Amino acid sequence: TGEEYDSEESAIPDKRAGRRKIKIEYIHDKSRRHITFSKRKAGIMKKAYELSTLTGTQILLLVVSETGLVYTFTTPKLQPLVTKPEGKNLIQSCLNAP
């Protein structure tokens, strides 16, 4: 005897390659951690751009790597916060805080 399905949709196998769920936990392997950081940084930068474009919102995104490199995405109105000395000093003081 065959399996019964609740709906027609569930009877059709999904042909797409699904994304695997990953555990959100610290990655101990330095190489894998760096690769994940790079990919996810690119993804969050893209999402910030899309959010700004779609909704007209002002966005300032700072991503700081474990080596201390600061990556930014800003919309034009917020650009001075990362380019002018006062803004850079504010960011640096936040990063140096305990």
PDB file of N, CA and C in Angstrom:
ATOM      1  N   THR A   1       0.843  -1.186   0.000  1.00  0.00           N
ATOM      2  CA  THR A   1       0.000   0.000   0.000  1.00  0.00           C
ATOM      3  C   THR A   1       0.886   1.246   0.000  1.00  0.00           C
ATOM      4  N   GLY A   2       0.399   2.307  -0.656  1.00  0.00           N
ATOM      5  CA  GLY A   2       1.196   3.530  -0.790  1.00  0.00           C
ATOM      6  C   GLY A   2       0.944   4.510   0.336  1.00  0.00           C
ATOM      7  N   GLU A   3       1.772   5.515   0.404  1.00  0.00           N
ATOM      8  CA  GLU A   3       1.610   6.563   1.400  1.00  0.00           C
ATOM      9  C   GLU A   3       0.467   7.474   0.991  1.00  0.00           C
ATOM     10  N   GLU A   4      -0.204   8.031   1.987  1.00  0.00           N
ATOM     11  CA  GLU A   4      -1.255   8.999   1.698  1.00  0.00           C
ATOM     12  C   GLU A   4      -0.688  10.386   1.939  1.00  0.00           C
ATOM     13  N   TYR A   5      -1.114  11.343   1.123  1.00  0.00           N
ATOM     14  CA  TYR A   5      -0.628  12.712   1.250  1.00  0.00           C
ATOM     15  C   TYR A   5      -1.777  13.617   1.644  1.00  0.00           C
ATOM     16  N   ASP A   6      -1.471  14.602   2.483  1.00  0.00           N
ATOM     17  CA  ASP A   6      -2.492  15.544   2.927  1.00  0.00           C
ATOM     18  C   ASP A   6      -2.909  16.496   1.814  1.00  0.00           C
ATOM     19  N   SER A   7      -1.977  16.834   0.952  1.00  0.00           N
ATOM     20  CA  SER A   7      -2.297  17.755  -0.132  1.00  0.00           C
ATOM     21  C   SER A   7      -1.582  17.307  -1.392  1.00  0.00           C
ATOM     22  N   GLU A   8      -2.024  17.857  -2.489  1.00  0.00           N
ATOM     23  CA  GLU A   8      -1.424  17.510  -3.773  1.00  0.00           C
ATOM     24  C   GLU A   8       0.039  17.935  -3.824  1.00  0.00           C
ATOM     25  N   GLU A   9       0.334  19.109  -3.217  1.00  0.00           N
ATOM     26  CA  GLU A   9       1.697  19.647  -3.264  1.00  0.00           C
ATOM     27  C   GLU A   9       2.713  18.697  -2.652  1.00  0.00           C
ATOM     28  N   SER A  10       2.361  18.088  -1.534  1.00  0.00           N
ATOM     29  CA  SER A  10       3.329  17.235  -0.856  1.00  0.00           C
ATOM     30  C   SER A  10       3.604  15.945  -1.621  1.00  0.00           C
ATOM     31  N   ALA A  11       2.757  15.614  -2.577  1.00  0.00           N
ATOM     32  CA  ALA A  11       2.961  14.404  -3.370  1.00  0.00           C
ATOM     33  C   ALA A  11       4.032  14.607  -4.438  1.00  0.00           C
ATOM     34  N   ILE A  12       4.337  15.873  -4.727  1.00  0.00           N
ATOM     35  CA  ILE A  12       5.332  16.181  -5.756  1.00  0.00           C
ATOM     36  C   ILE A  12       6.669  16.419  -5.070  1.00  0.00           C
ATOM     37  N   PRO A  13       7.662  15.596  -5.363  1.00  0.00           N
ATOM     38  CA  PRO A  13       8.957  15.805  -4.722  1.00  0.00           C
ATOM     39  C   PRO A  13       9.576  17.125  -5.167  1.00  0.00           C
ATOM     40  N   ASP A  14      10.257  17.792  -4.248  1.00  0.00           N
ATOM     41  CA  ASP A  14      10.905  19.067  -4.542  1.00  0.00           C
ATOM     42  C   ASP A  14      12.194  18.800  -5.310  1.00  0.00           C
ATOM     43  N   LYS A  15      12.294  19.319  -6.514  1.00  0.00           N
ATOM     44  CA  LYS A  15      13.457  19.063  -7.372  1.00  0.00           C
ATOM     45  C   LYS A  15      14.620  20.015  -7.088  1.00  0.00           C
ATOM     46  N   ARG A  16      14.345  21.122  -6.393  1.00  0.00           N
ATOM     47  CA  ARG A  16      15.399  22.103  -6.129  1.00  0.00           C
ATOM     48  C   ARG A  16      16.386  21.564  -5.103  1.00  0.00           C
ATOM     49  N   ALA A  17      17.605  22.022  -5.237  1.00  0.00           N
ATOM     50  CA  ALA A  17      18.599  21.692  -4.217  1.00  0.00           C
ATOM     51  C   ALA A  17      18.348  22.641  -3.053  1.00  0.00           C
ATOM     52  N   GLY A  18      17.856  22.117  -1.947  1.00  0.00           N
ATOM     53  CA  GLY A  18      17.532  22.956  -0.809  1.00  0.00           C
ATOM     54  C   GLY A  18      18.775  23.368  -0.040  1.00  0.00           C
ATOM     55  N   ARG A  19      18.649  24.469   0.674  1.00  0.00           N
ATOM     56  CA  ARG A  19      19.754  24.903   1.525  1.00  0.00           C
ATOM     57  C   ARG A  19      19.704  24.102   2.809  1.00  0.00           C
ATOM     58  N   ARG A  20      20.875  23.693   3.254  1.00  0.00           N
ATOM     59  CA  ARG A  20      20.930  22.937   4.494  1.00  0.00           C
ATOM     60  C   ARG A  20      20.910  23.897   5.674  1.00  0.00           C
ATOM     61  N   LYS A  21      20.237  23.492   6.716  1.00  0.00           N
ATOM     62  CA  LYS A  21      20.260  24.267   7.949  1.00  0.00           C
ATOM     63  C   LYS A  21      21.621  24.052   8.591  1.00  0.00           C
ATOM     64  N   ILE A  22      22.221  25.142   9.044  1.00  0.00           N
ATOM     65  CA  ILE A  22      23.486  24.992   9.752  1.00  0.00           C
ATOM     66  C   ILE A  22      23.291  25.432  11.196  1.00  0.00           C
ATOM     67  N   LYS A  23      24.077  24.840  12.064  1.00  0.00           N
ATOM     68  CA  LYS A  23      24.037  25.237  13.457  1.00  0.00           C
ATOM     69  C   LYS A  23      24.739  26.582  13.573  1.00  0.00           C
ATOM     70  N   ILE A  24      24.109  27.492  14.282  1.00  0.00           N
ATOM     71  CA  ILE A  24      24.732  28.788  14.493  1.00  0.00           C
ATOM     72  C   ILE A  24      25.568  28.681  15.764  1.00  0.00           C
ATOM     73  N   GLU A  25      26.832  28.405  15.564  1.00  0.00           N
ATOM     74  CA  GLU A  25      27.772  28.308  16.673  1.00  0.00           C
ATOM     75  C   GLU A  25      29.145  28.720  16.168  1.00  0.00           C
ATOM     76  N   TYR A  26      30.008  29.069  17.099  1.00  0.00           N
ATOM     77  CA  TYR A  26      31.344  29.543  16.758  1.00  0.00           C
ATOM     78  C   TYR A  26      32.081  28.504  15.912  1.00  0.00           C
ATOM     79  N   ILE A  27      32.742  28.981  14.861  1.00  0.00           N
ATOM     80  CA  ILE A  27      33.503  28.097  13.972  1.00  0.00           C
ATOM     81  C   ILE A  27      34.952  28.101  14.455  1.00  0.00           C
ATOM     82  N   HIS A  28      35.426  26.969  14.937  1.00  0.00           N
ATOM     83  CA  HIS A  28      36.776  26.893  15.500  1.00  0.00           C
ATOM     84  C   HIS A  28      37.864  26.853  14.439  1.00  0.00           C
ATOM     85  N   ASP A  29      37.576  26.278  13.280  1.00  0.00           N
ATOM     86  CA  ASP A  29      38.562  26.196  12.203  1.00  0.00           C
ATOM     87  C   ASP A  29      38.746  27.589  11.597  1.00  0.00           C
ATOM     88  N   LYS A  30      39.966  28.134  11.730  1.00  0.00           N
ATOM     89  CA  LYS A  30      40.235  29.513  11.316  1.00  0.00           C
ATOM     90  C   LYS A  30      39.956  29.744   9.834  1.00  0.00           C
ATOM     91  N   SER A  31      40.331  28.805   8.990  1.00  0.00           N
ATOM     92  CA  SER A  31      40.132  28.942   7.550  1.00  0.00           C
ATOM     93  C   SER A  31      38.640  28.965   7.204  1.00  0.00           C
ATOM     94  N   ARG A  32      37.890  28.034   7.777  1.00  0.00           N
ATOM     95  CA  ARG A  32      36.441  27.999   7.538  1.00  0.00           C
ATOM     96  C   ARG A  32      35.766  29.254   8.080  1.00  0.00           C
ATOM     97  N   ARG A  33      36.243  29.722   9.243  1.00  0.00           N
ATOM     98  CA  ARG A  33      35.680  30.920   9.864  1.00  0.00           C
ATOM     99  C   ARG A  33      35.893  32.138   8.963  1.00  0.00           C
ATOM    100  N   HIS A  34      37.089  32.255   8.381  1.00  0.00           N
ATOM    101  CA  HIS A  34      37.403  33.374   7.486  1.00  0.00           C
ATOM    102  C   HIS A  34      36.531  33.329   6.228  1.00  0.00           C
ATOM    103  N   ILE A  35      36.371  32.147   5.661  1.00  0.00           N
ATOM    104  CA  ILE A  35      35.541  31.983   4.461  1.00  0.00           C
ATOM    105  C   ILE A  35      34.090  32.360   4.774  1.00  0.00           C
ATOM    106  N   THR A  36      33.590  31.874   5.905  1.00  0.00           N
ATOM    107  CA  THR A  36      32.221  32.185   6.313  1.00  0.00           C
ATOM    108  C   THR A  36      32.056  33.682   6.536  1.00  0.00           C
ATOM    109  N   PHE A  37      33.046  34.292   7.196  1.00  0.00           N
ATOM    110  CA  PHE A  37      32.996  35.739   7.434  1.00  0.00           C
ATOM    111  C   PHE A  37      32.896  36.495   6.113  1.00  0.00           C
ATOM    112  N   SER A  38      33.747  36.149   5.162  1.00  0.00           N
ATOM    113  CA  SER A  38      33.762  36.847   3.871  1.00  0.00           C
ATOM    114  C   SER A  38      32.431  36.720   3.142  1.00  0.00           C
ATOM    115  N   LYS A  39      31.897  35.514   3.104  1.00  0.00           N
ATOM    116  CA  LYS A  39      30.631  35.287   2.400  1.00  0.00           C
ATOM    117  C   LYS A  39      29.478  36.008   3.088  1.00  0.00           C
ATOM    118  N   ARG A  40      29.416  35.892   4.400  1.00  0.00           N
ATOM    119  CA  ARG A  40      28.308  36.507   5.128  1.00  0.00           C
ATOM    120  C   ARG A  40      28.419  38.021   5.152  1.00  0.00           C
ATOM    121  N   LYS A  41      29.650  38.536   5.169  1.00  0.00           N
ATOM    122  CA  LYS A  41      29.846  39.986   5.101  1.00  0.00           C
ATOM    123  C   LYS A  41      29.305  40.508   3.780  1.00  0.00           C
ATOM    124  N   ALA A  42      29.641  39.835   2.695  1.00  0.00           N
ATOM    125  CA  ALA A  42      29.144  40.237   1.375  1.00  0.00           C
ATOM    126  C   ALA A  42      27.619  40.191   1.350  1.00  0.00           C
ATOM    127  N   GLY A  43      27.049  39.160   1.959  1.00  0.00           N
ATOM    128  CA  GLY A  43      25.600  39.016   1.989  1.00  0.00           C
ATOM    129  C   GLY A  43      24.914  40.122   2.764  1.00  0.00           C
ATOM    130  N   ILE A  44      25.469  40.476   3.916  1.00  0.00           N
ATOM    131  CA  ILE A  44      24.826  41.509   4.736  1.00  0.00           C
ATOM    132  C   ILE A  44      25.003  42.891   4.100  1.00  0.00           C
ATOM    133  N   MET A  45      26.123  43.100   3.413  1.00  0.00           N
ATOM    134  CA  MET A  45      26.325  44.365   2.684  1.00  0.00           C
ATOM    135  C   MET A  45      25.288  44.482   1.561  1.00  0.00           C
ATOM    136  N   LYS A  46      25.057  43.393   0.855  1.00  0.00           N
ATOM    137  CA  LYS A  46      24.071  43.386  -0.227  1.00  0.00           C
ATOM    138  C   LYS A  46      22.676  43.659   0.329  1.00  0.00           C
ATOM    139  N   LYS A  47      22.353  43.036   1.459  1.00  0.00           N
ATOM    140  CA  LYS A  47      21.046  43.246   2.081  1.00  0.00           C
ATOM    141  C   LYS A  47      20.875  44.704   2.512  1.00  0.00           C
ATOM    142  N   ALA A  48      21.930  45.319   3.036  1.00  0.00           N
ATOM    143  CA  ALA A  48      21.866  46.724   3.443  1.00  0.00           C
ATOM    144  C   ALA A  48      21.596  47.608   2.230  1.00  0.00           C
ATOM    145  N   TYR A  49      22.288  47.345   1.133  1.00  0.00           N
ATOM    146  CA  TYR A  49      22.082  48.094  -0.110  1.00  0.00           C
ATOM    147  C   TYR A  49      20.642  47.931  -0.600  1.00  0.00           C
ATOM    148  N   GLU A  50      20.161  46.697  -0.605  1.00  0.00           N
ATOM    149  CA  GLU A  50      18.804  46.427  -1.080  1.00  0.00           C
ATOM    150  C   GLU A  50      17.760  47.122  -0.209  1.00  0.00           C
ATOM    151  N   LEU A  51      17.942  47.068   1.107  1.00  0.00           N
ATOM    152  CA  LEU A  51      17.010  47.712   2.029  1.00  0.00           C
ATOM    153  C   LEU A  51      16.966  49.215   1.774  1.00  0.00           C
ATOM    154  N   SER A  52      18.126  49.808   1.601  1.00  0.00           N
ATOM    155  CA  SER A  52      18.217  51.235   1.329  1.00  0.00           C
ATOM    156  C   SER A  52      17.544  51.594   0.010  1.00  0.00           C
ATOM    157  N   THR A  53      17.820  50.814  -1.023  1.00  0.00           N
ATOM    158  CA  THR A  53      17.264  51.077  -2.348  1.00  0.00           C
ATOM    159  C   THR A  53      15.749  50.900  -2.369  1.00  0.00           C
ATOM    160  N   LEU A  54      15.269  49.828  -1.775  1.00  0.00           N
ATOM    161  CA  LEU A  54      13.839  49.527  -1.810  1.00  0.00           C
ATOM    162  C   LEU A  54      12.996  50.466  -0.953  1.00  0.00           C
ATOM    163  N   THR A  55      13.558  50.931   0.161  1.00  0.00           N
ATOM    164  CA  THR A  55      12.748  51.696   1.112  1.00  0.00           C
ATOM    165  C   THR A  55      13.188  53.138   1.295  1.00  0.00           C
ATOM    166  N   GLY A  56      14.326  53.510   0.730  1.00  0.00           N
ATOM    167  CA  GLY A  56      14.814  54.878   0.874  1.00  0.00           C
ATOM    168  C   GLY A  56      15.357  55.184   2.257  1.00  0.00           C
ATOM    169  N   THR A  57      15.649  54.171   3.037  1.00  0.00           N
ATOM    170  CA  THR A  57      16.159  54.383   4.393  1.00  0.00           C
ATOM    171  C   THR A  57      17.638  54.727   4.370  1.00  0.00           C
ATOM    172  N   GLN A  58      18.059  55.422   5.412  1.00  0.00           N
ATOM    173  CA  GLN A  58      19.474  55.744   5.578  1.00  0.00           C
ATOM    174  C   GLN A  58      20.102  54.621   6.397  1.00  0.00           C
ATOM    175  N   ILE A  59      21.235  54.126   5.928  1.00  0.00           N
ATOM    176  CA  ILE A  59      21.859  52.979   6.582  1.00  0.00           C
ATOM    177  C   ILE A  59      23.340  53.228   6.813  1.00  0.00           C
ATOM    178  N   LEU A  60      23.783  52.847   7.994  1.00  0.00           N
ATOM    179  CA  LEU A  60      25.205  52.822   8.323  1.00  0.00           C
ATOM    180  C   LEU A  60      25.468  51.439   8.892  1.00  0.00           C
ATOM    181  N   LEU A  61      26.270  50.658   8.192  1.00  0.00           N
ATOM    182  CA  LEU A  61      26.585  49.300   8.620  1.00  0.00           C
ATOM    183  C   LEU A  61      28.089  49.199   8.816  1.00  0.00           C
ATOM    184  N   LEU A  62      28.485  48.792   9.996  1.00  0.00           N
ATOM    185  CA  LEU A  62      29.897  48.559  10.305  1.00  0.00           C
ATOM    186  C   LEU A  62      30.077  47.084  10.592  1.00  0.00           C
ATOM    187  N   VAL A  63      31.045  46.484   9.949  1.00  0.00           N
ATOM    188  CA  VAL A  63      31.395  45.096  10.222  1.00  0.00           C
ATOM    189  C   VAL A  63      32.882  45.095  10.543  1.00  0.00           C
ATOM    190  N   VAL A  64      33.224  44.583  11.711  1.00  0.00           N
ATOM    191  CA  VAL A  64      34.623  44.568  12.132  1.00  0.00           C
ATOM    192  C   VAL A  64      35.087  43.124  12.209  1.00  0.00           C
ATOM    193  N   SER A  65      36.138  42.817  11.454  1.00  0.00           N
ATOM    194  CA  SER A  65      36.667  41.450  11.446  1.00  0.00           C
ATOM    195  C   SER A  65      37.404  41.167  12.747  1.00  0.00           C
ATOM    196  N   GLU A  66      37.706  39.897  12.967  1.00  0.00           N
ATOM    197  CA  GLU A  66      38.426  39.545  14.196  1.00  0.00           C
ATOM    198  C   GLU A  66      39.849  40.088  14.193  1.00  0.00           C
ATOM    199  N   THR A  67      40.345  40.494  13.018  1.00  0.00           N
ATOM    200  CA  THR A  67      41.678  41.111  12.943  1.00  0.00           C
ATOM    201  C   THR A  67      41.601  42.621  13.114  1.00  0.00           C
ATOM    202  N   GLY A  68      40.384  43.156  13.267  1.00  0.00           N
ATOM    203  CA  GLY A  68      40.218  44.580  13.518  1.00  0.00           C
ATOM    204  C   GLY A  68      39.960  45.428  12.283  1.00  0.00           C
ATOM    205  N   LEU A  69      39.864  44.808  11.110  1.00  0.00           N
ATOM    206  CA  LEU A  69      39.553  45.579   9.907  1.00  0.00           C
ATOM    207  C   LEU A  69      38.088  45.995   9.946  1.00  0.00           C
ATOM    208  N   VAL A  70      37.828  47.254   9.597  1.00  0.00           N
ATOM    209  CA  VAL A  70      36.470  47.778   9.618  1.00  0.00           C
ATOM    210  C   VAL A  70      35.960  47.891   8.188  1.00  0.00           C
ATOM    211  N   TYR A  71      34.832  47.250   7.933  1.00  0.00           N
ATOM    212  CA  TYR A  71      34.178  47.312   6.628  1.00  0.00           C
ATOM    213  C   TYR A  71      32.889  48.093   6.821  1.00  0.00           C
ATOM    214  N   THR A  72      32.582  48.986   5.876  1.00  0.00           N
ATOM    215  CA  THR A  72      31.396  49.819   6.039  1.00  0.00           C
ATOM    216  C   THR A  72      30.517  49.819   4.800  1.00  0.00           C
ATOM    217  N   PHE A  73      29.237  50.035   5.046  1.00  0.00           N
ATOM    218  CA  PHE A  73      28.290  50.379   3.985  1.00  0.00           C
ATOM    219  C   PHE A  73      27.518  51.566   4.522  1.00  0.00           C
ATOM    220  N   THR A  74      27.476  52.640   3.754  1.00  0.00           N
ATOM    221  CA  THR A  74      26.694  53.801   4.168  1.00  0.00           C
ATOM    222  C   THR A  74      25.930  54.368   2.987  1.00  0.00           C
ATOM    223  N   THR A  75      24.800  54.951   3.308  1.00  0.00           N
ATOM    224  CA  THR A  75      24.080  55.722   2.308  1.00  0.00           C
ATOM    225  C   THR A  75      24.692  57.123   2.324  1.00  0.00           C
ATOM    226  N   PRO A  76      24.505  57.894   1.268  1.00  0.00           N
ATOM    227  CA  PRO A  76      25.200  59.185   1.145  1.00  0.00           C
ATOM    228  C   PRO A  76      25.085  60.122   2.348  1.00  0.00           C
ATOM    229  N   LYS A  77      23.898  60.246   2.945  1.00  0.00           N
ATOM    230  CA  LYS A  77      23.738  61.167   4.082  1.00  0.00           C
ATOM    231  C   LYS A  77      24.595  60.778   5.283  1.00  0.00           C
ATOM    232  N   LEU A  78      24.861  59.495   5.434  1.00  0.00           N
ATOM    233  CA  LEU A  78      25.625  59.025   6.596  1.00  0.00           C
ATOM    234  C   LEU A  78      27.113  58.843   6.295  1.00  0.00           C
ATOM    235  N   GLN A  79      27.502  59.040   5.067  1.00  0.00           N
ATOM    236  CA  GLN A  79      28.900  58.855   4.656  1.00  0.00           C
ATOM    237  C   GLN A  79      29.897  59.639   5.530  1.00  0.00           C
ATOM    238  N   PRO A  80      29.578  60.899   5.910  1.00  0.00           N
ATOM    239  CA  PRO A  80      30.539  61.644   6.743  1.00  0.00           C
ATOM    240  C   PRO A  80      30.896  60.949   8.057  1.00  0.00           C
ATOM    241  N   LEU A  81      29.997  60.111   8.567  1.00  0.00           N
ATOM    242  CA  LEU A  81      30.291  59.409   9.822  1.00  0.00           C
ATOM    243  C   LEU A  81      31.472  58.456   9.700  1.00  0.00           C
ATOM    244  N   VAL A  82      31.761  58.014   8.490  1.00  0.00           N
ATOM    245  CA  VAL A  82      32.892  57.095   8.331  1.00  0.00           C
ATOM    246  C   VAL A  82      34.061  57.728   7.587  1.00  0.00           C
ATOM    247  N   THR A  83      33.864  58.943   7.063  1.00  0.00           N
ATOM    248  CA  THR A  83      34.953  59.574   6.314  1.00  0.00           C
ATOM    249  C   THR A  83      35.585  60.751   7.055  1.00  0.00           C
ATOM    250  N   LYS A  84      34.813  61.468   7.857  1.00  0.00           N
ATOM    251  CA  LYS A  84      35.354  62.621   8.582  1.00  0.00           C
ATOM    252  C   LYS A  84      36.056  62.158   9.856  1.00  0.00           C
ATOM    253  N   PRO A  85      37.095  62.895  10.264  1.00  0.00           N
ATOM    254  CA  PRO A  85      37.859  62.500  11.464  1.00  0.00           C
ATOM    255  C   PRO A  85      37.000  62.304  12.715  1.00  0.00           C
ATOM    256  N   GLU A  86      35.993  63.166  12.922  1.00  0.00           N
ATOM    257  CA  GLU A  86      35.147  63.042  14.123  1.00  0.00           C
ATOM    258  C   GLU A  86      34.416  61.698  14.129  1.00  0.00           C
ATOM    259  N   GLY A  87      33.903  61.323  12.991  1.00  0.00           N
ATOM    260  CA  GLY A  87      33.199  60.046  12.884  1.00  0.00           C
ATOM    261  C   GLY A  87      34.130  58.869  13.074  1.00  0.00           C
ATOM    262  N   LYS A  88      35.293  58.949  12.446  1.00  0.00           N
ATOM    263  CA  LYS A  88      36.285  57.870  12.588  1.00  0.00           C
ATOM    264  C   LYS A  88      36.701  57.717  14.043  1.00  0.00           C
ATOM    265  N   ASN A  89      36.900  58.860  14.732  1.00  0.00           N
ATOM    266  CA  ASN A  89      37.297  58.813  16.143  1.00  0.00           C
ATOM    267  C   ASN A  89      36.204  58.193  17.010  1.00  0.00           C
ATOM    268  N   LEU A  90      34.950  58.522  16.710  1.00  0.00           N
ATOM    269  CA  LEU A  90      33.829  57.951  17.459  1.00  0.00           C
ATOM    270  C   LEU A  90      33.781  56.436  17.279  1.00  0.00           C
ATOM    271  N   ILE A  91      33.924  55.993  16.050  1.00  0.00           N
ATOM    272  CA  ILE A  91      33.919  54.551  15.766  1.00  0.00           C
ATOM    273  C   ILE A  91      35.073  53.873  16.499  1.00  0.00           C
ATOM    274  N   GLN A  92      36.252  54.477  16.428  1.00  0.00           N
ATOM    275  CA  GLN A  92      37.429  53.890  17.075  1.00  0.00           C
ATOM    276  C   GLN A  92      37.253  53.822  18.587  1.00  0.00           C
ATOM    277  N   SER A  93      36.671  54.879  19.181  1.00  0.00           N
ATOM    278  CA  SER A  93      36.482  54.856  20.637  1.00  0.00           C
ATOM    279  C   SER A  93      35.477  53.776  21.039  1.00  0.00           C
ATOM    280  N   CYS A  94      34.465  53.544  20.208  1.00  0.00           N
ATOM    281  CA  CYS A  94      33.511  52.461  20.489  1.00  0.00           C
ATOM    282  C   CYS A  94      34.203  51.104  20.403  1.00  0.00           C
ATOM    283  N   LEU A  95      35.063  50.942  19.408  1.00  0.00           N
ATOM    284  CA  LEU A  95      35.760  49.665  19.239  1.00  0.00           C
ATOM    285  C   LEU A  95      36.776  49.415  20.353  1.00  0.00           C
ATOM    286  N   ASN A  96      37.318  50.480  20.914  1.00  0.00           N
ATOM    287  CA  ASN A  96      38.313  50.340  21.983  1.00  0.00           C
ATOM    288  C   ASN A  96      37.682  50.184  23.362  1.00  0.00           C
ATOM    289  N   ALA A  97      36.377  50.429  23.458  1.00  0.00           N
ATOM    290  CA  ALA A  97      35.696  50.326  24.751  1.00  0.00           C
ATOM    291  C   ALA A  97      35.728  48.876  25.240  1.00  0.00           C
ATOM    292  N   PRO A  98      35.775  48.697  26.570  1.00  0.00           N
ATOM    293  CA  PRO A  98      35.832  47.328  27.112  1.00  0.00           C
ATOM    294  C   PRO A  98      34.592  46.506  26.838  1.00  0.00           C
TER     295      PRO A  98
END
